[in-house]
Amino acid sequence: MKPISVKIKKEDLATLFVISPGKSPWWTIMILGILAAIGYLIPVGILVAYFFVDIDIGFGFIFAVMLGFGTGIFFTRLMLWNSCGSETFEITPSGLYYYCDYKLFKDNRRKFDFDSLVVEGRVPESVEVENLTEDSRGVITVEDQDQSLSNNIELPLKLLDNTISKLEMTLDVYRVQKN
């Protein structure tokens, strides 16, 4: 498995902080792909059985189709996250945007205004400050007046501090440009 990486990409009017958890082993991705395929094939099998066997379309039929597609979608998302997923903090003149990028689609979009934005690092509450080591990990927390968000990928503390300082410096540049 590749190590966690944080990449900073500058675009025309935006700066992207892309946090990638690293690619999972091939066999994990293959197992998730097989489970997703099974999930998608269940409704197809039920539909074929409906045409060749005299069964009524009832609640069980609809439930099985929904369960099959739901399972397929769930395992497809897991497979995409483990193969090419990333979390992105996008800073633009209009604010800070956060989303999870699965390469085929983006999910969990959130927008934060610059006015009362606070960015900080947090370690899990179960870890006491005295017990922090080089191996300890933490998350980026973003808060404004209305909402708060913590990213999903835990970063090593050294990388976390470095990322937060660069994120805050970039936010300051965009705040100055806005005013």
Protein backbone atom coordinates (compact mmCIF):
# COMPACT_ATOMS: atom_id res chain seq x y z
CA MET A 1 0.00 0.00 0.00
CA LYS A 2 1.29 3.43 -0.94
CA PRO A 3 1.76 5.94 1.88
CA ILE A 4 -0.62 8.83 2.45
CA SER A 5 0.19 11.84 0.29
CA VAL A 6 -0.86 15.48 0.22
CA LYS A 7 -0.51 17.28 -3.11
CA ILE A 8 -1.03 20.98 -3.70
CA LYS A 9 -2.24 21.93 -7.18
CA LYS A 10 -2.61 25.52 -8.34
CA GLU A 11 -5.20 26.20 -11.02
CA ASP A 12 -6.40 29.46 -12.58
CA LEU A 13 -8.57 30.72 -9.73
CA ALA A 14 -8.22 27.91 -7.22
CA THR A 15 -5.73 26.02 -5.10
CA LEU A 16 -6.41 22.33 -4.46
CA PHE A 17 -5.14 20.35 -1.48
CA VAL A 18 -5.57 16.69 -2.48
CA ILE A 19 -5.16 14.10 0.29
CA SER A 20 -4.78 10.55 -1.04
CA PRO A 21 -4.81 7.53 1.28
CA GLY A 22 -2.73 5.45 -1.12
CA LYS A 23 -3.83 2.59 -3.30
CA SER A 24 -4.91 -0.64 -1.62
CA PRO A 25 -3.47 -4.02 -2.63
CA TRP A 26 -4.78 -5.40 -5.93
CA TRP A 27 -6.48 -8.37 -4.27
CA THR A 28 -8.58 -6.06 -2.06
CA ILE A 29 -9.75 -4.11 -5.09
CA MET A 30 -10.49 -7.36 -6.95
CA ILE A 31 -12.59 -8.75 -4.08
CA LEU A 32 -14.57 -5.49 -3.87
CA GLY A 33 -15.09 -5.59 -7.67
CA ILE A 34 -16.40 -9.16 -7.51
CA LEU A 35 -18.80 -8.25 -4.69
CA ALA A 36 -20.01 -5.22 -6.68
CA ALA A 37 -20.56 -7.39 -9.77
CA ILE A 38 -22.55 -9.90 -7.71
CA GLY A 39 -24.64 -7.03 -6.36
CA TYR A 40 -25.45 -5.85 -9.88
CA LEU A 41 -26.09 -9.39 -11.17
CA ILE A 42 -28.69 -10.23 -8.50
CA PRO A 43 -31.37 -7.92 -9.98
CA VAL A 44 -30.54 -9.10 -13.52
CA GLY A 45 -30.92 -12.73 -12.41
CA ILE A 46 -34.22 -11.95 -10.74
CA LEU A 47 -35.44 -10.16 -13.87
CA VAL A 48 -34.47 -13.13 -16.07
CA ALA A 49 -36.21 -15.49 -13.66
CA TYR A 50 -39.31 -13.31 -13.85
CA PHE A 51 -39.56 -13.80 -17.62
CA PHE A 52 -38.91 -17.57 -17.63
CA VAL A 53 -40.65 -18.60 -14.42
CA ASP A 54 -44.16 -17.57 -13.56
CA ILE A 55 -43.62 -15.28 -10.58
CA ASP A 56 -45.52 -12.20 -9.57
CA ILE A 57 -43.92 -8.82 -9.15
CA GLY A 58 -44.51 -8.03 -5.53
CA PHE A 59 -42.81 -6.45 -2.60
CA GLY A 60 -40.15 -9.19 -2.45
CA PHE A 61 -39.21 -8.64 -6.09
CA ILE A 62 -38.86 -4.88 -5.65
CA PHE A 63 -36.95 -5.33 -2.38
CA ALA A 64 -34.50 -7.82 -3.95
CA VAL A 65 -33.82 -5.50 -6.90
CA MET A 66 -33.24 -2.51 -4.59
CA LEU A 67 -31.03 -4.58 -2.29
CA GLY A 68 -29.00 -5.89 -5.24
CA PHE A 69 -28.38 -2.46 -6.77
CA GLY A 70 -27.70 -0.94 -3.35
CA THR A 71 -25.09 -3.62 -2.66
CA GLY A 72 -23.51 -3.08 -6.07
CA ILE A 73 -23.33 0.69 -5.58
CA PHE A 74 -21.88 0.31 -2.07
CA PHE A 75 -19.10 -2.05 -3.17
CA THR A 76 -18.39 0.05 -6.29
CA ARG A 77 -17.84 3.10 -4.08
CA LEU A 78 -15.54 1.11 -1.79
CA MET A 79 -13.60 -0.22 -4.77
CA LEU A 80 -13.18 3.28 -6.27
CA TRP A 81 -12.13 4.74 -2.91
CA ASN A 82 -9.54 2.02 -2.33
CA SER A 83 -8.13 2.29 -5.85
CA CYS A 84 -8.18 6.01 -6.64
CA GLY A 85 -10.09 7.93 -3.97
CA SER A 86 -8.98 11.21 -2.43
CA GLU A 87 -10.23 14.08 -0.30
CA THR A 88 -9.96 17.56 -1.75
CA PHE A 89 -9.94 20.97 -0.12
CA GLU A 90 -10.45 23.54 -2.89
CA ILE A 91 -9.78 27.17 -2.05
CA THR A 92 -11.31 29.72 -4.42
CA PRO A 93 -12.02 33.44 -4.11
CA SER A 94 -15.60 32.59 -3.09
CA GLY A 95 -14.70 30.19 -0.27
CA LEU A 96 -13.35 26.81 0.76
CA TYR A 97 -14.91 23.72 -0.81
CA TYR A 98 -14.48 20.15 0.41
CA TYR A 99 -15.37 16.96 -1.43
CA CYS A 100 -14.43 13.30 -1.71
CA ASP A 101 -13.24 12.44 -5.21
CA TYR A 102 -13.87 8.89 -6.43
CA LYS A 103 -12.60 9.71 -9.98
CA LEU A 104 -15.98 8.76 -11.52
CA PHE A 105 -17.95 11.11 -9.26
CA LYS A 106 -17.53 13.52 -6.38
CA ASP A 107 -19.44 13.15 -3.12
CA ASN A 108 -19.94 14.86 0.25
CA ARG A 109 -19.59 18.38 -1.14
CA ARG A 110 -19.41 21.14 1.46
CA LYS A 111 -18.83 24.90 1.12
CA PHE A 112 -17.37 27.14 3.82
CA ASP A 113 -17.27 30.95 3.78
CA PHE A 114 -14.08 32.81 4.66
CA ASP A 115 -15.71 35.06 7.26
CA SER A 116 -15.46 32.87 10.37
CA LEU A 117 -13.44 29.96 9.04
CA VAL A 118 -11.21 28.08 11.50
CA VAL A 119 -8.83 25.31 10.38
CA GLU A 120 -7.09 23.15 12.96
CA GLY A 121 -5.68 19.69 13.53
CA ARG A 122 -7.15 17.22 15.97
CA VAL A 123 -6.07 13.86 17.30
CA PRO A 124 -8.65 11.27 18.32
CA GLU A 125 -10.12 11.92 21.77
CA SER A 126 -8.98 8.48 22.91
CA VAL A 127 -5.33 9.56 22.61
CA GLU A 128 -3.99 11.67 25.46
CA VAL A 129 -1.56 14.48 24.66
CA GLU A 130 1.15 12.90 26.83
CA ASN A 131 0.93 9.67 24.82
CA LEU A 132 1.51 11.20 21.38
CA THR A 133 4.29 9.50 19.41
CA GLU A 134 5.75 9.75 15.91
CA ASP A 135 3.18 7.20 14.78
CA SER A 136 0.21 9.22 16.09
CA ARG A 137 -2.26 10.51 13.55
CA GLY A 138 -4.80 13.30 13.38
CA VAL A 139 -7.36 14.90 11.09
CA ILE A 140 -7.97 18.35 9.64
CA THR A 141 -11.02 20.05 11.12
CA VAL A 142 -12.72 22.96 9.35
CA GLU A 143 -15.38 25.02 11.15
CA ASP A 144 -17.42 28.11 10.44
CA GLN A 145 -20.51 29.56 12.13
CA ASP A 146 -22.93 27.01 10.68
CA GLN A 147 -21.07 23.76 10.18
CA SER A 148 -17.96 21.75 10.91
CA LEU A 149 -16.11 19.02 9.08
CA SER A 150 -13.28 16.58 9.77
CA ASN A 151 -11.58 14.81 6.92
CA ASN A 152 -11.68 11.02 6.85
CA ILE A 153 -8.03 10.27 6.17
CA GLU A 154 -5.88 10.41 9.30
CA LEU A 155 -2.51 12.03 8.64
CA PRO A 156 0.75 11.55 10.54
CA LEU A 157 1.17 14.50 12.93
CA LYS A 158 4.18 15.96 11.10
CA LEU A 159 2.33 15.90 7.76
CA LEU A 160 -0.82 17.19 9.47
CA ASP A 161 0.98 20.26 10.90
CA ASN A 162 2.68 20.97 7.58
CA THR A 163 -0.59 20.66 5.63
CA ILE A 164 -2.53 22.86 8.04
CA SER A 165 0.10 25.62 7.95
CA LYS A 166 0.08 25.62 4.12
CA LEU A 167 -3.72 25.52 4.09
CA GLU A 168 -3.93 28.51 6.46
CA MET A 169 -1.35 30.49 4.44
CA THR A 170 -3.30 29.85 1.25
CA LEU A 171 -6.56 30.84 2.96
CA ASP A 172 -4.95 34.10 4.11
CA VAL A 173 -3.87 34.89 0.53
CA TYR A 174 -7.42 34.35 -0.76
CA ARG A 175 -8.92 36.36 2.11
CA VAL A 176 -6.70 39.30 1.21
CA GLN A 177 -7.68 38.97 -2.47
CA LYS A 178 -11.36 38.91 -1.53
CA ASN A 179 -11.10 42.15 0.46
